[in-house]
Amino acid sequence: RCLQRFPEAWELHASLRGRVLYDRGVGGLEAEYAKRLEAAPTGTLAWYAAYASLVTAEYRRREKDPARAKESYERALALYARATELDPSLRETSDHYAAMALAGEARLALEANELA
């Protein structure tokens, strides 16, 4: 309800992420934001969905699940692009976090000794 009134509030999204992670684990995070994005496709929500994918990717990487981490990094990149399409004012922050997703993919490659 609060997110409907204040859809850009970082603190409310942080609370949502924390609650979803606690209640459903990392597997529920991307699904929650996918559902929300489908119901209301805005640039801001696409950005937060991308961030949720980035968080999920980091959890997966730490769990030593590189295939699923890579999938989440790829979803994050696609969602940051979508956020920018829906709201061009999000380009700078989307590009910043997309670079973090690319860095995560690079770390996966490094950990897999795929240096070529």
C-alpha atoms as a PDB file:
ATOM      1  CA  ARG A   1       0.000   0.000   0.000  1.00  0.00           C
ATOM      2  CA  CYS A   2       2.769   2.436   0.861  1.00  0.00           C
ATOM      3  CA  LEU A   3       4.575   1.593  -2.370  1.00  0.00           C
ATOM      4  CA  GLN A   4       1.466   2.568  -4.319  1.00  0.00           C
ATOM      5  CA  ARG A   5       1.614   5.995  -2.748  1.00  0.00           C
ATOM      6  CA  PHE A   6       5.417   6.366  -2.831  1.00  0.00           C
ATOM      7  CA  PRO A   7       6.611   4.099  -5.688  1.00  0.00           C
ATOM      8  CA  GLU A   8      10.111   5.595  -5.797  1.00  0.00           C
ATOM      9  CA  ALA A   9      10.890   5.282  -2.066  1.00  0.00           C
ATOM     10  CA  TRP A  10      14.156   3.369  -1.664  1.00  0.00           C
ATOM     11  CA  GLU A  11      13.420   2.597   1.992  1.00  0.00           C
ATOM     12  CA  LEU A  12      10.063   1.000   1.146  1.00  0.00           C
ATOM     13  CA  HIS A  13      11.625  -1.144  -1.554  1.00  0.00           C
ATOM     14  CA  ALA A  14      14.407  -2.135   0.847  1.00  0.00           C
ATOM     15  CA  SER A  15      11.752  -3.186   3.337  1.00  0.00           C
ATOM     16  CA  LEU A  16       9.909  -5.172   0.656  1.00  0.00           C
ATOM     17  CA  ARG A  17      13.123  -6.912  -0.429  1.00  0.00           C
ATOM     18  CA  GLY A  18      13.935  -7.780   3.170  1.00  0.00           C
ATOM     19  CA  ARG A  19      10.458  -9.131   3.829  1.00  0.00           C
ATOM     20  CA  VAL A  20      10.436 -11.228   0.639  1.00  0.00           C
ATOM     21  CA  LEU A  21      13.908 -12.601   1.356  1.00  0.00           C
ATOM     22  CA  TYR A  22      12.853 -13.529   4.883  1.00  0.00           C
ATOM     23  CA  ASP A  23       9.496 -15.031   3.926  1.00  0.00           C
ATOM     24  CA  ARG A  24      10.309 -16.724   0.605  1.00  0.00           C
ATOM     25  CA  GLY A  25      14.064 -16.731   0.305  1.00  0.00           C
ATOM     26  CA  VAL A  26      16.104 -15.478  -2.602  1.00  0.00           C
ATOM     27  CA  GLY A  27      13.967 -17.482  -5.023  1.00  0.00           C
ATOM     28  CA  GLY A  28      10.968 -15.267  -4.338  1.00  0.00           C
ATOM     29  CA  LEU A  29      12.600 -11.906  -4.948  1.00  0.00           C
ATOM     30  CA  GLU A  30      12.636 -11.775  -8.742  1.00  0.00           C
ATOM     31  CA  ALA A  31       9.175 -13.337  -8.918  1.00  0.00           C
ATOM     32  CA  GLU A  32       7.746 -10.659  -6.618  1.00  0.00           C
ATOM     33  CA  TYR A  33       9.099  -7.832  -8.733  1.00  0.00           C
ATOM     34  CA  ALA A  34       8.125  -9.536 -12.002  1.00  0.00           C
ATOM     35  CA  LYS A  35       4.553  -9.730 -10.741  1.00  0.00           C
ATOM     36  CA  ARG A  36       4.582  -6.079  -9.691  1.00  0.00           C
ATOM     37  CA  LEU A  37       6.142  -4.956 -12.977  1.00  0.00           C
ATOM     38  CA  GLU A  38       3.568  -6.851 -15.018  1.00  0.00           C
ATOM     39  CA  ALA A  39       0.776  -5.130 -13.090  1.00  0.00           C
ATOM     40  CA  ALA A  40       2.253  -1.628 -13.450  1.00  0.00           C
ATOM     41  CA  PRO A  41       5.025  -1.323 -16.068  1.00  0.00           C
ATOM     42  CA  THR A  42       6.812   1.897 -15.143  1.00  0.00           C
ATOM     43  CA  GLY A  43      10.436   2.874 -15.482  1.00  0.00           C
ATOM     44  CA  THR A  44      10.838   3.096 -11.722  1.00  0.00           C
ATOM     45  CA  LEU A  45       9.395  -0.350 -11.144  1.00  0.00           C
ATOM     46  CA  ALA A  46      11.525  -1.813 -13.943  1.00  0.00           C
ATOM     47  CA  TRP A  47      14.558  -0.256 -12.225  1.00  0.00           C
ATOM     48  CA  TYR A  48      13.650  -1.847  -8.886  1.00  0.00           C
ATOM     49  CA  ALA A  49      12.966  -5.172 -10.604  1.00  0.00           C
ATOM     50  CA  ALA A  50      16.431  -4.941 -12.148  1.00  0.00           C
ATOM     51  CA  TYR A  51      17.932  -4.218  -8.744  1.00  0.00           C
ATOM     52  CA  ALA A  52      16.093  -7.253  -7.330  1.00  0.00           C
ATOM     53  CA  SER A  53      17.674  -9.359 -10.088  1.00  0.00           C
ATOM     54  CA  LEU A  54      21.092  -7.928  -9.227  1.00  0.00           C
ATOM     55  CA  VAL A  55      20.578  -8.798  -5.543  1.00  0.00           C
ATOM     56  CA  THR A  56      19.433 -12.297  -6.524  1.00  0.00           C
ATOM     57  CA  ALA A  57      22.484 -12.752  -8.744  1.00  0.00           C
ATOM     58  CA  GLU A  58      24.795 -11.837  -5.870  1.00  0.00           C
ATOM     59  CA  TYR A  59      23.073 -14.331  -3.567  1.00  0.00           C
ATOM     60  CA  ARG A  60      23.371 -17.020  -6.230  1.00  0.00           C
ATOM     61  CA  ARG A  61      27.041 -16.219  -6.826  1.00  0.00           C
ATOM     62  CA  ARG A  62      27.781 -16.500  -3.107  1.00  0.00           C
ATOM     63  CA  GLU A  63      25.852 -19.800  -3.032  1.00  0.00           C
ATOM     64  CA  LYS A  64      28.244 -21.098  -5.731  1.00  0.00           C
ATOM     65  CA  ASP A  65      25.452 -21.343  -8.321  1.00  0.00           C
ATOM     66  CA  PRO A  66      27.070 -19.557 -11.272  1.00  0.00           C
ATOM     67  CA  ALA A  67      24.528 -20.608 -13.905  1.00  0.00           C
ATOM     68  CA  ARG A  68      21.598 -19.161 -11.992  1.00  0.00           C
ATOM     69  CA  ALA A  69      23.654 -16.110 -11.018  1.00  0.00           C
ATOM     70  CA  LYS A  70      24.412 -15.460 -14.697  1.00  0.00           C
ATOM     71  CA  GLU A  71      20.708 -15.725 -15.555  1.00  0.00           C
ATOM     72  CA  SER A  72      19.879 -13.142 -12.895  1.00  0.00           C
ATOM     73  CA  TYR A  73      22.653 -10.802 -14.057  1.00  0.00           C
ATOM     74  CA  GLU A  74      21.267 -11.063 -17.608  1.00  0.00           C
ATOM     75  CA  ARG A  75      17.749 -10.281 -16.365  1.00  0.00           C
ATOM     76  CA  ALA A  76      19.105  -7.282 -14.484  1.00  0.00           C
ATOM     77  CA  LEU A  77      20.763  -5.959 -17.637  1.00  0.00           C
ATOM     78  CA  ALA A  78      17.566  -6.390 -19.663  1.00  0.00           C
ATOM     79  CA  LEU A  79      15.476  -4.725 -16.974  1.00  0.00           C
ATOM     80  CA  TYR A  80      17.836  -1.745 -16.637  1.00  0.00           C
ATOM     81  CA  ALA A  81      17.524  -1.281 -20.405  1.00  0.00           C
ATOM     82  CA  ARG A  82      13.747  -1.480 -20.101  1.00  0.00           C
ATOM     83  CA  ALA A  83      13.753   1.033 -17.243  1.00  0.00           C
ATOM     84  CA  THR A  84      15.643   3.486 -19.441  1.00  0.00           C
ATOM     85  CA  GLU A  85      13.234   2.900 -22.334  1.00  0.00           C
ATOM     86  CA  LEU A  86      10.247   3.578 -20.092  1.00  0.00           C
ATOM     87  CA  ASP A  87      11.845   6.558 -18.355  1.00  0.00           C
ATOM     88  CA  PRO A  88      14.922   8.122 -19.999  1.00  0.00           C
ATOM     89  CA  SER A  89      15.681  10.082 -16.819  1.00  0.00           C
ATOM     90  CA  LEU A  90      16.802   6.767 -15.279  1.00  0.00           C
ATOM     91  CA  ARG A  91      19.652   6.324 -17.782  1.00  0.00           C
ATOM     92  CA  GLU A  92      22.504   7.405 -15.498  1.00  0.00           C
ATOM     93  CA  THR A  93      21.557   5.232 -12.542  1.00  0.00           C
ATOM     94  CA  SER A  94      20.546   2.324 -14.792  1.00  0.00           C
ATOM     95  CA  ASP A  95      23.900   2.487 -16.569  1.00  0.00           C
ATOM     96  CA  HIS A  96      25.701   2.539 -13.217  1.00  0.00           C
ATOM     97  CA  TYR A  97      23.957  -0.579 -11.928  1.00  0.00           C
ATOM     98  CA  ALA A  98      24.174  -2.294 -15.327  1.00  0.00           C
ATOM     99  CA  ALA A  99      27.935  -1.842 -15.054  1.00  0.00           C
ATOM    100  CA  MET A 100      27.767  -3.570 -11.668  1.00  0.00           C
ATOM    101  CA  ALA A 101      25.888  -6.478 -13.280  1.00  0.00           C
ATOM    102  CA  LEU A 102      28.571  -6.704 -15.974  1.00  0.00           C
ATOM    103  CA  ALA A 103      31.219  -6.696 -13.251  1.00  0.00           C
ATOM    104  CA  GLY A 104      29.366  -9.545 -11.562  1.00  0.00           C
ATOM    105  CA  GLU A 105      29.402 -11.521 -14.789  1.00  0.00           C
ATOM    106  CA  ALA A 106      33.116 -10.833 -15.102  1.00  0.00           C
ATOM    107  CA  ARG A 107      33.657 -12.134 -11.585  1.00  0.00           C
ATOM    108  CA  LEU A 108      31.769 -15.315 -12.473  1.00  0.00           C
ATOM    109  CA  ALA A 109      34.064 -15.791 -15.467  1.00  0.00           C
ATOM    110  CA  LEU A 110      37.128 -15.166 -13.313  1.00  0.00           C
ATOM    111  CA  GLU A 111      35.956 -17.646 -10.667  1.00  0.00           C
ATOM    112  CA  ALA A 112      35.392 -20.215 -13.452  1.00  0.00           C
ATOM    113  CA  ASN A 113      38.887 -19.511 -14.781  1.00  0.00           C
ATOM    114  CA  GLU A 114      37.402 -18.381 -18.115  1.00  0.00           C
ATOM    115  CA  LEU A 115      40.026 -15.763 -18.809  1.00  0.00           C
ATOM    116  CA  ALA A 116      40.121 -15.913 -22.594  1.00  0.00           C
END
